[in-house]
Amino acid sequence: MSYLDYKVTQTPTGLRKILYISWPLVFLLTAVASTGFLMLYSVAGGRLETWAEPQMIRFAIGMVIMFALAFVPIWFWRTISIPAYLICVLLLVAVDVVGQIGMGAQRWLQIGPVRLQPSELTKISLVLLLAAYYDWLPLEKVSRPLWVLIPVVLILLPVGLVLGQPDLGTALMLIMGGGLVMMAAGVSLWYFGAVSGMVGGAIYAVMISRGTDWQLLREYQFRRIDTFLDPGADPLGAGYNIIQSQIALGSGGWSGRGFMQGTQSRLNFLPEKHTDFIFTVLAEEFGFIGAMSLLLLYCLILGFCIHSALTNRDRFASLLTMGIACTFFIYFAINMATVMGMLPAKGSPLPLVSYGGTQLMILLLGFGIVQSAHVHRPR
């Protein structure tokens, strides 16, 4: 290798890595999280200690973790991809055996003082493994049936365990996240067309199974579908949440009612206003302009990640960054679509804005890995 080749391919060392951190991404993440602090302060009636202050502390800890992970060489993530995936699968099995039950589902593990939701961690570990798999696999084999079947099995294993909790929403997010990594790796689109046809057939089978001995979904999941199709059919029951959400979205108008002036949230018409429906609080208080501003911040975060992935000459790092970006997109797209009535309700929080510890920490862990890929790219 010539000296010039070395200069092109070397990665930064020591404190020089700080210079290569994506500081615009850090700023954007902080801007979105600060929006969340503001809204949590509002829905608590002007009290920091209820939700905003604990969320600030979690975010600060998460940012420290993100910066620490940015200094970790990218080869480390490739090395631990298989152990990380296996540990997550074991944790999902443990949830089915000894997991804690909350809101009708068994999704959490209590590990000392930490309450962990392994399905959230699985989203990152699955991306790690698929990125490592396609980095190892020669390009000419990417679309051959046998080599397509292996990642499908790797995706369906945790999906089956998550469905047993039951958590249909997270299972679908795992499928979509894994599928997007496969697409980014260059798997033929014919496979995705075939899967789309199978999904259509599965939806038909699910709908006709209702009320039979072989019913494929639980009754509460069918009620979510009913509510999605016609929320007005049960305005005081299953359709109440989405109707109040749509009222809040519409009442904000262009510029909103003003900070802490939203009637739907202040009068407690909105359910889960600090978690799943916090976007509607933002839209009511700051209107269309506020809602679109948050969406713009999300899109800029997504754009920085995609640009980093497309310009990274390390295939593993590129696929890893793209996979985490896709996972982030799925998070906010599903939440926004749900509160607007475009998707059935599934209890998905708004990333970096909704109150909660597990998802916030996992997201910042994921962005720490994105920073690691960005810092250690070949130069």
Protein backbone atom coordinates (compact mmCIF):
# COMPACT_ATOMS: atom_id res chain seq x y z
CA MET A 1 0.00 0.00 0.00
CA SER A 2 1.37 3.40 -0.95
CA TYR A 3 1.46 6.34 1.45
CA LEU A 4 -1.34 8.01 -0.54
CA ASP A 5 -3.54 4.90 -0.29
CA TYR A 6 -2.92 4.83 3.45
CA LYS A 7 -3.92 8.48 3.84
CA VAL A 8 -7.14 7.84 1.95
CA THR A 9 -8.22 4.77 3.91
CA GLN A 10 -7.03 5.56 7.44
CA THR A 11 -9.58 6.32 10.16
CA PRO A 12 -9.13 8.93 12.91
CA THR A 13 -7.59 7.99 16.23
CA GLY A 14 -7.80 9.35 19.76
CA LEU A 15 -9.23 12.80 20.34
CA ARG A 16 -9.24 13.48 16.59
CA LYS A 17 -12.44 11.44 16.46
CA ILE A 18 -14.29 14.35 18.04
CA LEU A 19 -13.72 16.33 14.84
CA TYR A 20 -15.44 13.65 12.76
CA ILE A 21 -18.62 13.37 14.86
CA SER A 22 -21.68 14.50 12.91
CA TRP A 23 -22.43 17.62 14.94
CA PRO A 24 -25.45 18.61 12.83
CA LEU A 25 -27.00 15.26 13.78
CA VAL A 26 -26.28 15.97 17.45
CA PHE A 27 -27.97 19.37 17.12
CA LEU A 28 -31.03 17.90 15.39
CA LEU A 29 -31.46 15.17 18.00
CA THR A 30 -31.23 17.78 20.75
CA ALA A 31 -33.76 20.01 18.98
CA VAL A 32 -36.30 17.19 18.71
CA ALA A 33 -35.76 16.12 22.32
CA SER A 34 -36.13 19.75 23.47
CA THR A 35 -39.47 19.87 21.69
CA GLY A 36 -40.43 16.84 23.74
CA PHE A 37 -39.36 18.51 27.00
CA LEU A 38 -41.49 21.54 26.11
CA MET A 39 -44.57 19.44 25.38
CA LEU A 40 -44.11 17.29 28.50
CA TYR A 41 -43.94 20.50 30.54
CA SER A 42 -47.16 21.63 28.89
CA VAL A 43 -49.17 18.44 29.39
CA ALA A 44 -48.10 18.36 33.06
CA GLY A 45 -49.72 21.75 33.57
CA GLY A 46 -46.47 23.67 33.88
CA ARG A 47 -44.66 21.27 36.17
CA LEU A 48 -41.13 20.13 35.31
CA GLU A 49 -40.85 17.35 37.86
CA THR A 50 -43.78 15.29 36.55
CA TRP A 51 -42.47 14.23 33.14
CA ALA A 52 -40.11 16.80 31.64
CA GLU A 53 -37.36 16.66 34.26
CA PRO A 54 -37.03 12.83 34.32
CA GLN A 55 -36.97 12.87 30.51
CA MET A 56 -34.21 15.50 30.50
CA ILE A 57 -32.11 13.35 32.81
CA ARG A 58 -32.63 10.29 30.61
CA PHE A 59 -31.73 12.25 27.50
CA ALA A 60 -28.54 13.57 29.09
CA ILE A 61 -27.51 10.04 30.05
CA GLY A 62 -28.42 8.80 26.58
CA MET A 63 -26.31 11.51 24.93
CA VAL A 64 -23.31 10.51 27.05
CA ILE A 65 -23.84 6.93 25.87
CA MET A 66 -24.13 8.10 22.26
CA PHE A 67 -20.85 10.01 22.41
CA ALA A 68 -19.13 7.06 24.09
CA LEU A 69 -20.34 4.69 21.36
CA ALA A 70 -19.16 7.11 18.66
CA PHE A 71 -15.57 6.37 19.72
CA VAL A 72 -16.04 2.58 19.37
CA PRO A 73 -14.41 1.24 16.16
CA ILE A 74 -16.89 0.01 13.57
CA TRP A 75 -15.32 -3.48 13.49
CA PHE A 76 -16.52 -3.97 17.07
CA TRP A 77 -20.19 -3.84 15.99
CA ARG A 78 -19.52 -6.36 13.25
CA THR A 79 -17.86 -8.67 15.79
CA ILE A 80 -20.70 -8.57 18.34
CA SER A 81 -23.57 -8.76 15.82
CA ILE A 82 -24.21 -12.49 16.31
CA PRO A 83 -23.86 -12.51 20.15
CA ALA A 84 -26.08 -9.39 20.40
CA TYR A 85 -28.79 -11.03 18.29
CA LEU A 86 -28.67 -14.27 20.29
CA ILE A 87 -28.83 -12.40 23.61
CA CYS A 88 -31.90 -10.50 22.42
CA VAL A 89 -33.59 -13.74 21.34
CA LEU A 90 -32.86 -15.23 24.78
CA LEU A 91 -34.28 -12.12 26.44
CA LEU A 92 -37.44 -12.45 24.34
CA VAL A 93 -37.75 -16.06 25.48
CA ALA A 94 -37.27 -14.90 29.07
CA VAL A 95 -40.09 -12.36 28.60
CA ASP A 96 -42.43 -15.18 27.60
CA VAL A 97 -41.43 -17.13 30.72
CA VAL A 98 -40.96 -14.60 33.52
CA GLY A 99 -41.80 -11.23 31.93
CA GLN A 100 -43.87 -8.57 33.66
CA ILE A 101 -47.40 -7.90 32.44
CA GLY A 102 -48.53 -4.35 31.76
CA MET A 103 -51.54 -2.99 29.84
CA GLY A 104 -52.61 -6.50 28.85
CA ALA A 105 -49.26 -7.58 27.40
CA GLN A 106 -46.20 -9.39 28.70
CA ARG A 107 -43.35 -7.31 27.27
CA TRP A 108 -40.98 -6.29 30.08
CA LEU A 109 -38.17 -7.79 32.12
CA GLN A 110 -37.16 -6.49 35.53
CA ILE A 111 -33.36 -6.74 35.77
CA GLY A 112 -32.41 -5.26 39.13
CA PRO A 113 -33.48 -1.61 39.13
CA VAL A 114 -33.85 -1.59 35.32
CA ARG A 115 -37.15 -2.35 33.58
CA LEU A 116 -36.23 -3.48 30.07
CA GLN A 117 -38.35 -4.10 26.98
CA PRO A 118 -36.20 -6.56 24.96
CA SER A 119 -38.25 -6.15 21.78
CA GLU A 120 -36.95 -2.56 21.48
CA LEU A 121 -33.34 -3.73 21.76
CA THR A 122 -34.05 -6.47 19.22
CA LYS A 123 -34.75 -3.85 16.54
CA ILE A 124 -31.13 -2.69 16.75
CA SER A 125 -29.57 -6.14 17.10
CA LEU A 126 -31.48 -7.40 14.06
CA VAL A 127 -30.12 -4.53 11.95
CA LEU A 128 -26.61 -5.30 13.24
CA LEU A 129 -26.86 -8.94 12.23
CA LEU A 130 -28.37 -8.31 8.80
CA ALA A 131 -25.73 -5.67 8.02
CA ALA A 132 -22.97 -8.11 9.02
CA TYR A 133 -24.59 -10.89 6.97
CA TYR A 134 -24.79 -8.84 3.78
CA ASP A 135 -21.29 -7.47 4.33
CA TRP A 136 -20.03 -11.07 4.43
CA LEU A 137 -22.20 -12.31 1.52
CA PRO A 138 -20.78 -11.79 -2.01
CA LEU A 139 -22.94 -9.45 -4.10
CA GLU A 140 -23.68 -12.11 -6.74
CA LYS A 141 -25.41 -14.27 -4.10
CA VAL A 142 -27.61 -11.58 -2.55
CA SER A 143 -30.75 -12.49 -4.53
CA ARG A 144 -30.32 -16.27 -4.73
CA PRO A 145 -33.20 -18.09 -2.95
CA LEU A 146 -31.11 -19.92 -0.34
CA TRP A 147 -29.27 -16.75 0.67
CA VAL A 148 -32.55 -14.82 0.82
CA LEU A 149 -34.12 -17.50 3.03
CA ILE A 150 -31.45 -17.16 5.75
CA PRO A 151 -32.18 -13.49 6.64
CA VAL A 152 -35.92 -14.21 6.42
CA VAL A 153 -35.51 -16.86 9.11
CA LEU A 154 -33.38 -14.47 11.18
CA ILE A 155 -36.20 -11.92 11.01
CA LEU A 156 -39.07 -14.32 11.67
CA LEU A 157 -37.49 -15.88 14.78
CA PRO A 158 -37.79 -12.75 16.97
CA VAL A 159 -41.04 -11.81 15.22
CA GLY A 160 -42.62 -15.07 16.38
CA LEU A 161 -41.46 -14.48 19.96
CA VAL A 162 -42.77 -10.89 19.95
CA LEU A 163 -46.13 -12.02 18.60
CA GLY A 164 -46.43 -14.32 21.61
CA GLN A 165 -46.27 -11.38 24.05
CA PRO A 166 -48.57 -10.29 22.19
CA ASP A 167 -47.21 -7.23 20.39
CA LEU A 168 -48.35 -7.15 16.79
CA GLY A 169 -47.13 -3.59 16.23
CA THR A 170 -43.52 -4.31 17.22
CA ALA A 171 -43.56 -7.55 15.21
CA LEU A 172 -44.57 -5.59 12.10
CA MET A 173 -41.85 -3.02 12.81
CA LEU A 174 -39.25 -5.81 12.97
CA ILE A 175 -40.46 -7.17 9.64
CA MET A 176 -40.41 -3.74 8.00
CA GLY A 177 -36.99 -2.84 9.43
CA GLY A 178 -35.46 -6.14 8.36
CA GLY A 179 -37.10 -5.92 4.93
CA LEU A 180 -35.72 -2.43 4.34
CA VAL A 181 -32.18 -3.61 5.18
CA MET A 182 -32.60 -6.47 2.69
CA MET A 183 -33.80 -4.00 0.06
CA ALA A 184 -30.86 -1.68 0.73
CA ALA A 185 -28.49 -4.67 0.40
CA GLY A 186 -29.75 -5.23 -3.15
CA VAL A 187 -32.19 -8.15 -2.80
CA SER A 188 -34.32 -8.41 -5.97
CA LEU A 189 -37.58 -6.46 -5.84
CA TRP A 190 -39.41 -9.52 -7.16
CA TYR A 191 -39.16 -11.04 -3.70
CA PHE A 192 -40.80 -7.98 -2.18
CA GLY A 193 -43.55 -8.13 -4.78
CA ALA A 194 -44.21 -11.75 -3.87
CA VAL A 195 -44.24 -10.86 -0.16
CA SER A 196 -46.70 -8.02 -0.84
CA GLY A 197 -49.04 -10.52 -2.48
CA MET A 198 -48.69 -12.86 0.48
CA VAL A 199 -49.41 -9.99 2.88
CA GLY A 200 -52.57 -9.20 0.96
CA GLY A 201 -53.63 -12.83 1.25
CA ALA A 202 -52.77 -12.86 4.96
CA ILE A 203 -54.89 -9.75 5.58
CA TYR A 204 -57.81 -11.41 3.81
CA ALA A 205 -57.33 -14.57 5.89
CA VAL A 206 -57.21 -12.53 9.10
CA MET A 207 -60.44 -10.72 8.29
CA ILE A 208 -62.41 -13.86 7.43
CA SER A 209 -61.07 -15.70 10.49
CA ARG A 210 -62.94 -13.46 12.93
CA GLY A 211 -65.46 -15.38 14.98
CA THR A 212 -64.20 -18.79 13.82
CA ASP A 213 -62.38 -21.51 15.77
CA TRP A 214 -59.15 -20.55 13.99
CA GLN A 215 -59.33 -16.79 14.65
CA LEU A 216 -55.87 -15.35 13.87
CA LEU A 217 -55.99 -12.16 15.97
CA ARG A 218 -57.23 -11.44 19.45
CA GLU A 219 -60.50 -9.62 19.83
CA TYR A 220 -58.90 -6.37 21.03
CA GLN A 221 -56.79 -6.33 17.87
CA PHE A 222 -59.90 -6.71 15.73
CA ARG A 223 -61.49 -3.86 17.67
CA ARG A 224 -58.51 -1.69 16.73
CA ILE A 225 -59.17 -2.49 13.06
CA ASP A 226 -62.88 -1.68 13.49
CA THR A 227 -61.97 1.62 15.13
CA PHE A 228 -59.56 2.42 12.31
CA LEU A 229 -62.21 1.80 9.65
CA ASP A 230 -65.03 3.64 11.48
CA PRO A 231 -64.09 5.41 14.72
CA GLY A 232 -67.54 7.03 14.86
CA ALA A 233 -69.23 3.66 15.31
CA ASP A 234 -68.20 3.66 18.98
CA PRO A 235 -67.39 7.30 19.84
CA LEU A 236 -67.43 6.76 23.61
CA GLY A 237 -65.62 3.42 23.54
CA ALA A 238 -63.04 2.07 21.15
CA GLY A 239 -63.27 5.09 18.83
CA TYR A 240 -62.90 7.69 21.58
CA ASN A 241 -59.11 8.03 21.43
CA ILE A 242 -58.80 8.62 17.71
CA ILE A 243 -61.81 10.96 17.58
CA GLN A 244 -60.35 13.16 20.35
CA SER A 245 -56.97 13.04 18.60
CA GLN A 246 -58.48 14.23 15.32
CA ILE A 247 -60.36 17.01 17.10
CA ALA A 248 -57.11 18.21 18.67
CA LEU A 249 -55.28 18.05 15.33
CA GLY A 250 -57.98 20.04 13.57
CA SER A 251 -58.52 22.63 16.29
CA GLY A 252 -54.91 23.79 16.11
CA GLY A 253 -55.40 25.35 12.68
CA TRP A 254 -52.36 26.95 11.07
CA SER A 255 -50.63 28.48 14.08
CA GLY A 256 -52.24 26.69 17.04
CA ARG A 257 -54.06 27.80 20.16
CA GLY A 258 -50.85 28.78 21.93
CA PHE A 259 -48.45 27.17 24.37
CA MET A 260 -50.32 25.42 27.21
CA GLN A 261 -53.63 26.62 25.72
CA GLY A 262 -54.83 23.39 24.10
CA THR A 263 -58.30 22.53 25.35
CA GLN A 264 -58.16 18.84 24.45
CA SER A 265 -55.05 18.26 26.54
CA ARG A 266 -55.77 20.75 29.34
CA LEU A 267 -59.25 19.31 29.92
CA ASN A 268 -57.94 15.73 29.73
CA PHE A 269 -59.92 14.69 26.66
CA LEU A 270 -56.76 13.34 25.05
CA PRO A 271 -55.68 9.87 26.25
CA GLU A 272 -51.99 9.08 26.87
CA LYS A 273 -51.18 12.71 26.07
CA HIS A 274 -47.62 12.40 27.39
CA THR A 275 -46.80 9.27 25.38
CA ASP A 276 -48.63 7.97 22.31
CA PHE A 277 -50.69 11.10 21.56
CA ILE A 278 -48.16 13.82 22.34
CA PHE A 279 -48.01 14.77 18.64
CA THR A 280 -51.64 15.88 18.80
CA VAL A 281 -50.82 18.11 21.78
CA LEU A 282 -48.09 19.75 19.70
CA ALA A 283 -50.44 20.17 16.72
CA GLU A 284 -53.17 21.72 18.87
CA GLU A 285 -50.87 24.19 20.62
CA PHE A 286 -48.61 25.11 17.68
CA GLY A 287 -50.84 24.20 14.75
CA PHE A 288 -49.87 23.02 11.30
CA ILE A 289 -46.67 25.09 11.40
CA GLY A 290 -45.48 23.41 14.63
CA ALA A 291 -46.38 19.92 13.43
CA MET A 292 -44.61 20.40 10.10
CA SER A 293 -41.57 21.89 11.86
CA LEU A 294 -41.20 18.72 13.92
CA LEU A 295 -41.67 16.58 10.81
CA LEU A 296 -38.96 18.64 9.09
CA LEU A 297 -36.55 17.96 11.97
CA TYR A 298 -37.27 14.23 11.68
CA CYS A 299 -36.68 14.32 7.93
CA LEU A 300 -33.39 16.18 8.38
CA ILE A 301 -32.20 13.52 10.85
CA LEU A 302 -33.20 10.88 8.34
CA GLY A 303 -31.47 12.78 5.54
CA PHE A 304 -28.17 13.06 7.45
CA CYS A 305 -28.22 9.31 8.19
CA ILE A 306 -28.99 8.37 4.58
CA HIS A 307 -26.29 10.71 3.25
CA SER A 308 -23.78 9.20 5.68
CA ALA A 309 -24.79 5.69 4.56
CA LEU A 310 -24.58 6.45 0.84
CA THR A 311 -21.16 8.09 1.12
CA ASN A 312 -19.62 5.42 3.36
CA ARG A 313 -17.38 3.01 1.43
CA ASP A 314 -17.55 0.37 4.18
CA ARG A 315 -20.49 -1.85 3.17
CA PHE A 316 -21.21 -3.00 6.73
CA ALA A 317 -21.21 0.56 8.09
CA SER A 318 -23.36 1.76 5.21
CA LEU A 319 -26.00 -0.95 5.67
CA LEU A 320 -25.92 -0.51 9.43
CA THR A 321 -26.52 3.24 9.18
CA MET A 322 -29.27 2.74 6.62
CA GLY A 323 -30.96 0.09 8.78
CA ILE A 324 -31.00 2.31 11.88
CA ALA A 325 -32.28 5.23 9.78
CA CYS A 326 -35.11 3.03 8.47
CA THR A 327 -35.96 1.92 12.00
CA PHE A 328 -36.13 5.56 13.11
CA PHE A 329 -38.37 6.39 10.13
CA ILE A 330 -40.74 3.55 11.00
CA TYR A 331 -41.00 4.86 14.58
CA PHE A 332 -42.18 8.37 13.78
CA ALA A 333 -44.12 7.47 10.62
CA ILE A 334 -46.26 4.91 12.46
CA ASN A 335 -46.95 7.21 15.41
CA MET A 336 -47.96 10.15 13.23
CA ALA A 337 -50.07 7.98 10.94
CA THR A 338 -51.79 6.40 13.94
CA VAL A 339 -52.81 9.62 15.69
CA MET A 340 -54.10 11.00 12.38
CA GLY A 341 -56.29 7.92 11.88
CA MET A 342 -54.32 6.60 8.89
CA LEU A 343 -53.30 3.38 10.69
CA PRO A 344 -54.96 1.29 13.41
CA ALA A 345 -53.90 2.27 16.94
CA LYS A 346 -50.92 0.24 18.17
CA GLY A 347 -49.49 2.16 21.10
CA SER A 348 -46.31 3.45 19.43
CA PRO A 349 -44.60 6.44 21.12
CA LEU A 350 -43.19 9.38 19.17
CA PRO A 351 -39.37 8.99 19.10
CA LEU A 352 -37.38 11.41 21.27
CA VAL A 353 -40.58 13.32 22.15
CA SER A 354 -42.88 10.93 24.04
CA TYR A 355 -42.21 10.23 27.70
CA GLY A 356 -40.42 6.94 28.32
CA GLY A 357 -37.01 5.51 29.07
CA THR A 358 -36.49 2.30 27.09
CA GLN A 359 -37.22 3.65 23.61
CA LEU A 360 -35.26 6.87 24.22
CA MET A 361 -32.16 4.99 25.37
CA ILE A 362 -32.37 2.44 22.55
CA LEU A 363 -32.72 5.19 19.95
CA LEU A 364 -29.72 7.10 21.29
CA LEU A 365 -27.78 3.82 21.39
CA GLY A 366 -28.69 3.37 17.73
CA PHE A 367 -27.57 6.89 16.86
CA GLY A 368 -24.35 6.23 18.77
CA ILE A 369 -23.71 3.35 16.37
CA VAL A 370 -24.52 5.67 13.44
CA GLN A 371 -21.95 8.11 14.80
CA SER A 372 -19.44 5.26 15.15
CA ALA A 373 -19.95 4.38 11.47
CA HIS A 374 -19.60 8.04 10.49
CA VAL A 375 -16.48 8.68 12.57
CA HIS A 376 -14.67 5.54 11.46
CA ARG A 377 -15.51 5.66 7.76
CA PRO A 378 -12.55 5.13 5.38
CA ARG A 379 -10.95 8.48 4.53
